Amino acid sequence: MGNLPEISNYGEYSSSNYGAHTLRVDVGNKLTLWYSYETVIAFSDGQHRFVTENQWNVTTGKHLNWIDQGDKKNRLPYAEFTLKLENYLKELNLL
């Protein structure tokens, strides 16, 4: 289908019942969004991956570890992460 968004799951849940909690949305090769439940917790601009610090619970922490293999030192404070994501979405004319 070309450049239409694609939705998939990430992580290592043993049951597909939890798949809705770990969604990954790829929009072409310029944007990937990782969700924990209904919250964007990481994104990629096609070259760099940006991951927020965990400010939620143990489950979201597990999701973050799946995305960045536990690289906590490079995680961004949530306010900085959100600003970076908003600016990138504006750059893509998505906001």
N, C-alpha and C. Protein backbone atom coordinates (compact mmCIF):
# COMPACT_ATOMS: atom_id res chain seq x y z
N MET A 1 0.81 -1.20 0.00
CA MET A 1 0.00 0.00 0.00
C MET A 1 0.85 1.27 0.00
N GLY A 2 2.13 1.18 -0.07
CA GLY A 2 2.96 2.38 -0.16
C GLY A 2 3.21 3.04 1.16
N ASN A 3 2.77 4.31 1.28
CA ASN A 3 3.09 5.11 2.46
C ASN A 3 1.94 5.26 3.44
N LEU A 4 0.95 4.40 3.38
CA LEU A 4 -0.12 4.46 4.36
C LEU A 4 0.41 4.04 5.72
N PRO A 5 -0.14 4.61 6.80
CA PRO A 5 0.31 4.21 8.14
C PRO A 5 0.09 2.72 8.36
N GLU A 6 1.02 2.12 9.11
CA GLU A 6 0.91 0.71 9.47
C GLU A 6 0.91 0.60 10.99
N ILE A 7 0.03 -0.24 11.50
CA ILE A 7 -0.07 -0.44 12.95
C ILE A 7 0.38 -1.86 13.27
N SER A 8 1.27 -1.97 14.25
CA SER A 8 1.75 -3.27 14.70
C SER A 8 1.91 -3.23 16.21
N ASN A 9 2.42 -4.30 16.77
CA ASN A 9 2.69 -4.37 18.21
C ASN A 9 4.17 -4.56 18.43
N TYR A 10 4.62 -4.18 19.61
CA TYR A 10 6.00 -4.41 20.02
C TYR A 10 5.97 -5.13 21.36
N GLY A 11 7.10 -5.64 21.77
CA GLY A 11 7.19 -6.26 23.09
C GLY A 11 7.08 -7.76 23.05
N GLU A 12 7.02 -8.32 24.25
CA GLU A 12 7.10 -9.77 24.40
C GLU A 12 5.97 -10.33 25.25
N TYR A 13 4.75 -9.85 25.02
CA TYR A 13 3.64 -10.43 25.75
C TYR A 13 3.38 -11.83 25.25
N SER A 14 3.11 -12.74 26.16
CA SER A 14 2.86 -14.13 25.76
C SER A 14 1.44 -14.32 25.25
N SER A 15 0.57 -13.34 25.49
CA SER A 15 -0.82 -13.43 25.04
C SER A 15 -1.14 -12.24 24.15
N SER A 16 -1.83 -12.48 23.07
CA SER A 16 -2.21 -11.38 22.18
C SER A 16 -3.28 -10.49 22.79
N ASN A 17 -3.86 -10.89 23.91
CA ASN A 17 -4.86 -10.05 24.58
C ASN A 17 -4.30 -8.71 25.00
N TYR A 18 -3.00 -8.63 25.21
CA TYR A 18 -2.38 -7.40 25.67
C TYR A 18 -1.85 -6.55 24.52
N GLY A 19 -1.96 -7.02 23.30
CA GLY A 19 -1.40 -6.33 22.16
C GLY A 19 -1.89 -4.90 21.99
N ALA A 20 -3.12 -4.61 22.38
CA ALA A 20 -3.65 -3.26 22.24
C ALA A 20 -2.94 -2.27 23.15
N HIS A 21 -2.20 -2.76 24.12
CA HIS A 21 -1.49 -1.88 25.05
C HIS A 21 -0.11 -1.51 24.55
N THR A 22 0.36 -2.14 23.49
CA THR A 22 1.70 -1.88 22.96
C THR A 22 1.62 -1.67 21.45
N LEU A 23 1.06 -0.55 21.07
CA LEU A 23 0.90 -0.26 19.64
C LEU A 23 2.07 0.54 19.11
N ARG A 24 2.43 0.22 17.88
CA ARG A 24 3.46 0.95 17.15
C ARG A 24 2.81 1.39 15.84
N VAL A 25 2.91 2.68 15.53
CA VAL A 25 2.35 3.21 14.30
C VAL A 25 3.49 3.77 13.46
N ASP A 26 3.64 3.23 12.26
CA ASP A 26 4.66 3.70 11.32
C ASP A 26 3.97 4.49 10.21
N VAL A 27 4.43 5.72 10.01
CA VAL A 27 3.91 6.57 8.94
C VAL A 27 5.05 6.77 7.96
N GLY A 28 5.06 5.96 6.91
CA GLY A 28 6.18 6.00 5.97
C GLY A 28 7.48 5.73 6.70
N ASN A 29 8.54 6.40 6.25
CA ASN A 29 9.84 6.25 6.92
C ASN A 29 10.22 7.49 7.70
N LYS A 30 9.25 8.40 7.91
CA LYS A 30 9.54 9.65 8.60
C LYS A 30 9.02 9.74 10.02
N LEU A 31 8.15 8.81 10.40
CA LEU A 31 7.57 8.90 11.74
C LEU A 31 7.14 7.52 12.23
N THR A 32 7.62 7.18 13.42
CA THR A 32 7.14 6.00 14.13
C THR A 32 6.75 6.46 15.53
N LEU A 33 5.57 6.04 15.96
CA LEU A 33 5.08 6.36 17.30
C LEU A 33 4.89 5.06 18.07
N TRP A 34 5.39 5.00 19.29
CA TRP A 34 5.17 3.86 20.17
C TRP A 34 4.22 4.30 21.28
N TYR A 35 3.19 3.53 21.51
CA TYR A 35 2.19 3.82 22.53
C TYR A 35 2.26 2.80 23.65
N SER A 36 2.02 3.28 24.87
CA SER A 36 1.72 2.43 26.00
C SER A 36 0.29 2.80 26.38
N TYR A 37 -0.60 1.87 26.17
CA TYR A 37 -2.03 2.15 26.30
C TYR A 37 -2.39 3.26 25.31
N GLU A 38 -2.83 4.42 25.75
CA GLU A 38 -3.22 5.49 24.82
C GLU A 38 -2.24 6.66 24.84
N THR A 39 -1.04 6.44 25.36
CA THR A 39 -0.06 7.51 25.52
C THR A 39 1.16 7.25 24.64
N VAL A 40 1.57 8.26 23.89
CA VAL A 40 2.81 8.14 23.11
C VAL A 40 3.97 8.22 24.10
N ILE A 41 4.83 7.19 24.08
CA ILE A 41 5.96 7.16 25.01
C ILE A 41 7.30 7.20 24.28
N ALA A 42 7.26 7.09 22.96
CA ALA A 42 8.50 7.17 22.17
C ALA A 42 8.12 7.49 20.73
N PHE A 43 9.07 8.11 20.03
CA PHE A 43 8.87 8.34 18.60
C PHE A 43 10.22 8.35 17.91
N SER A 44 10.16 8.13 16.60
CA SER A 44 11.37 8.18 15.77
C SER A 44 11.09 9.07 14.57
N ASP A 45 12.11 9.83 14.18
CA ASP A 45 12.00 10.68 12.99
C ASP A 45 12.63 10.00 11.77
N GLY A 46 12.88 8.71 11.89
CA GLY A 46 13.49 7.96 10.81
C GLY A 46 15.00 7.82 10.98
N GLN A 47 15.58 8.69 11.81
CA GLN A 47 17.02 8.62 12.08
C GLN A 47 17.33 8.47 13.56
N HIS A 48 16.53 9.12 14.39
CA HIS A 48 16.76 9.11 15.84
C HIS A 48 15.49 8.66 16.54
N ARG A 49 15.69 7.97 17.66
CA ARG A 49 14.58 7.54 18.50
C ARG A 49 14.60 8.36 19.78
N PHE A 50 13.43 8.86 20.17
CA PHE A 50 13.28 9.67 21.37
C PHE A 50 12.32 8.94 22.30
N VAL A 51 12.76 8.74 23.55
CA VAL A 51 11.98 7.97 24.51
C VAL A 51 11.83 8.81 25.77
N THR A 52 10.62 8.85 26.32
CA THR A 52 10.38 9.61 27.53
C THR A 52 10.76 8.81 28.78
N GLU A 53 11.04 9.52 29.84
CA GLU A 53 11.22 8.87 31.14
C GLU A 53 9.88 8.30 31.59
N ASN A 54 9.94 7.28 32.42
CA ASN A 54 8.72 6.67 32.94
C ASN A 54 8.17 7.52 34.08
N GLN A 55 6.95 7.97 33.92
CA GLN A 55 6.28 8.68 35.02
C GLN A 55 4.94 8.03 35.33
N TRP A 56 4.77 6.79 34.89
CA TRP A 56 3.50 6.11 35.04
C TRP A 56 3.63 4.92 35.98
N ASN A 57 3.75 3.73 35.46
CA ASN A 57 3.75 2.54 36.32
C ASN A 57 4.74 1.51 35.81
N VAL A 58 4.76 0.38 36.50
CA VAL A 58 5.69 -0.70 36.16
C VAL A 58 5.44 -1.23 34.75
N THR A 59 4.19 -1.32 34.35
CA THR A 59 3.87 -1.84 33.02
C THR A 59 4.43 -0.93 31.94
N THR A 60 4.23 0.37 32.07
CA THR A 60 4.79 1.30 31.08
C THR A 60 6.31 1.25 31.12
N GLY A 61 6.89 1.06 32.28
CA GLY A 61 8.34 0.88 32.38
C GLY A 61 8.81 -0.32 31.57
N LYS A 62 8.04 -1.40 31.60
CA LYS A 62 8.36 -2.58 30.80
C LYS A 62 8.29 -2.23 29.31
N HIS A 63 7.28 -1.48 28.93
CA HIS A 63 7.13 -1.07 27.54
C HIS A 63 8.32 -0.21 27.09
N LEU A 64 8.72 0.72 27.94
CA LEU A 64 9.88 1.58 27.62
C LEU A 64 11.13 0.73 27.44
N ASN A 65 11.32 -0.24 28.31
CA ASN A 65 12.50 -1.12 28.19
C ASN A 65 12.49 -1.92 26.90
N TRP A 66 11.32 -2.32 26.45
CA TRP A 66 11.23 -3.03 25.17
C TRP A 66 11.66 -2.12 24.02
N ILE A 67 11.31 -0.85 24.12
CA ILE A 67 11.60 0.09 23.02
C ILE A 67 13.09 0.46 22.98
N ASP A 68 13.67 0.77 24.14
CA ASP A 68 15.07 1.24 24.14
C ASP A 68 16.04 0.29 24.83
N GLN A 69 15.64 -0.95 25.04
CA GLN A 69 16.47 -1.98 25.67
C GLN A 69 17.02 -1.52 27.03
N GLY A 70 16.24 -0.71 27.75
CA GLY A 70 16.61 -0.30 29.10
C GLY A 70 17.62 0.84 29.17
N ASP A 71 17.78 1.59 28.10
CA ASP A 71 18.75 2.70 28.05
C ASP A 71 18.18 3.94 28.74
N LYS A 72 18.04 3.89 30.06
CA LYS A 72 17.39 4.95 30.83
C LYS A 72 18.14 6.27 30.81
N LYS A 73 19.44 6.24 30.62
CA LYS A 73 20.22 7.48 30.66
C LYS A 73 19.92 8.41 29.50
N ASN A 74 19.37 7.88 28.41
CA ASN A 74 19.05 8.71 27.25
C ASN A 74 17.57 9.08 27.16
N ARG A 75 16.80 8.72 28.16
CA ARG A 75 15.38 9.08 28.16
C ARG A 75 15.21 10.56 28.51
N LEU A 76 14.20 11.15 27.91
CA LEU A 76 13.94 12.58 28.09
C LEU A 76 12.87 12.81 29.15
N PRO A 77 13.00 13.90 29.91
CA PRO A 77 11.89 14.28 30.80
C PRO A 77 10.62 14.45 29.95
N TYR A 78 9.46 14.13 30.51
CA TYR A 78 8.23 14.10 29.73
C TYR A 78 7.94 15.44 29.04
N ALA A 79 8.15 16.57 29.72
CA ALA A 79 7.87 17.88 29.12
C ALA A 79 8.76 18.11 27.90
N GLU A 80 10.02 17.76 28.01
CA GLU A 80 10.96 17.91 26.88
C GLU A 80 10.58 16.97 25.73
N PHE A 81 10.23 15.74 26.07
CA PHE A 81 9.80 14.76 25.07
C PHE A 81 8.57 15.27 24.32
N THR A 82 7.58 15.75 25.06
CA THR A 82 6.34 16.23 24.45
C THR A 82 6.60 17.41 23.52
N LEU A 83 7.43 18.35 23.94
CA LEU A 83 7.77 19.50 23.11
C LEU A 83 8.47 19.06 21.83
N LYS A 84 9.41 18.13 21.95
CA LYS A 84 10.14 17.61 20.79
C LYS A 84 9.17 16.93 19.82
N LEU A 85 8.25 16.15 20.33
CA LEU A 85 7.27 15.47 19.49
C LEU A 85 6.34 16.48 18.82
N GLU A 86 5.85 17.44 19.57
CA GLU A 86 4.96 18.46 18.98
C GLU A 86 5.67 19.23 17.88
N ASN A 87 6.92 19.62 18.10
CA ASN A 87 7.67 20.36 17.09
C ASN A 87 7.88 19.51 15.83
N TYR A 88 8.15 18.22 16.01
CA TYR A 88 8.35 17.37 14.86
C TYR A 88 7.05 17.17 14.09
N LEU A 89 5.94 16.99 14.80
CA LEU A 89 4.65 16.86 14.14
C LEU A 89 4.28 18.12 13.37
N LYS A 90 4.62 19.29 13.91
CA LYS A 90 4.39 20.56 13.19
C LYS A 90 5.26 20.61 11.92
N GLU A 91 6.50 20.16 12.05
CA GLU A 91 7.41 20.13 10.90
C GLU A 91 6.84 19.26 9.77
N LEU A 92 6.15 18.19 10.14
CA LEU A 92 5.53 17.30 9.16
C LEU A 92 4.14 17.77 8.75
N ASN A 93 3.72 18.92 9.26
CA ASN A 93 2.37 19.47 9.01
C ASN A 93 1.27 18.53 9.50
N LEU A 94 1.51 17.88 10.62
CA LEU A 94 0.52 17.00 11.23
C LEU A 94 -0.16 17.62 12.44
N LEU A 95 0.29 18.80 12.82
CA LEU A 95 -0.34 19.57 13.92
C LEU A 95 -0.62 20.97 13.44
